[in-house]
Protein backbone atom coordinates (compact mmCIF):
# COMPACT_ATOMS: atom_id res chain seq x y z
CA MET A 1 0.00 0.00 0.00
CA TYR A 2 2.70 2.51 1.03
CA GLU A 3 5.03 1.52 -1.83
CA GLU A 4 2.20 1.99 -4.33
CA ALA A 5 1.44 5.45 -2.95
CA VAL A 6 5.12 6.43 -3.08
CA GLU A 7 5.41 5.22 -6.66
CA ALA A 8 2.21 7.05 -7.64
CA ALA A 9 3.55 10.22 -6.01
CA ARG A 10 6.34 10.28 -8.60
CA HIS A 11 3.72 11.34 -11.15
CA PRO A 12 2.41 14.88 -10.65
CA HIS A 13 -1.23 13.99 -11.25
CA HIS A 14 -1.09 11.27 -8.53
CA TYR A 15 1.02 13.01 -5.88
CA HIS A 16 -2.04 13.32 -3.61
CA ARG A 17 -2.22 9.54 -3.04
CA LEU A 18 0.73 9.51 -0.65
CA HIS A 19 -0.69 12.44 1.29
CA GLU A 20 -4.10 10.75 1.52
CA LEU A 21 -2.57 7.48 2.73
CA LEU A 22 -0.46 9.18 5.39
CA HIS A 23 -3.43 11.28 6.50
CA THR A 24 -5.61 8.18 6.82
CA TRP A 25 -2.91 6.46 8.90
CA TRP A 26 -2.65 9.57 11.10
CA LEU A 27 -6.40 9.53 11.67
CA LYS A 28 -6.29 5.86 12.61
CA ALA A 29 -3.39 6.50 15.02
CA GLU A 30 -5.42 9.25 16.68
CA ILE A 31 -8.37 6.90 17.09
CA TYR A 32 -6.21 4.09 18.50
CA ALA A 33 -4.63 6.55 20.94
CA THR A 34 -8.03 7.19 22.50
CA ASP A 35 -9.74 3.84 21.82
CA PRO A 36 -7.31 0.87 21.79
CA ASP A 37 -10.17 -1.55 21.02
CA PHE A 38 -10.94 0.17 17.73
CA ASP A 39 -10.60 -2.50 15.04
CA ARG A 40 -11.64 -1.09 11.69
CA THR A 41 -9.16 -0.61 8.86
CA PRO A 42 -8.72 2.78 7.18
CA GLU A 43 -10.41 1.32 4.10
CA GLU A 44 -13.45 0.28 6.14
CA ILE A 45 -13.66 3.70 7.73
CA LEU A 46 -13.49 5.47 4.35
CA ALA A 47 -16.04 3.07 2.84
CA GLU A 48 -18.46 3.79 5.67
CA LEU A 49 -17.95 7.51 5.36
CA GLY A 50 -18.64 7.64 1.65
CA GLU A 51 -18.23 11.03 0.08
CA GLY A 52 -19.24 14.32 1.58
CA VAL A 53 -19.65 13.22 5.19
CA PRO A 54 -18.03 15.75 7.52
CA LEU A 55 -15.54 14.34 10.02
CA THR A 56 -17.50 15.98 12.80
CA GLU A 57 -20.41 13.67 11.96
CA ALA A 58 -18.37 10.57 11.20
CA ILE A 59 -16.25 10.85 14.36
CA PRO A 60 -18.38 12.38 17.13
CA ASP A 61 -15.45 13.58 19.25
CA TRP A 62 -13.42 14.78 16.25
CA GLN A 63 -12.94 18.33 17.55
CA GLN A 64 -11.54 17.04 20.87
CA ARG A 65 -9.15 14.70 19.06
CA LEU A 66 -8.04 17.49 16.76
CA ARG A 67 -7.36 19.85 19.67
CA GLY A 68 -5.40 17.12 21.42
CA ALA A 69 -3.29 16.45 18.33
CA ARG A 70 -2.56 20.15 17.88
CA ARG A 71 -1.37 20.43 21.50
CA ARG A 72 1.24 17.70 20.94
């Protein structure tokens, strides 16, 4: 997964894939930091979210998590 994103990032029109992958991993790390029993994969999370669902609705305590991450 990571290698594919890195390779895709070599092409200007696909550079966003690496950023998206790393961002998804960061989100999952934030969730695990507050809920160690969380067991969904990033792909499952994104599939459940679909398109156009605000993070504040998808993750009820998103603002608290975001503030915590910014403090670190």
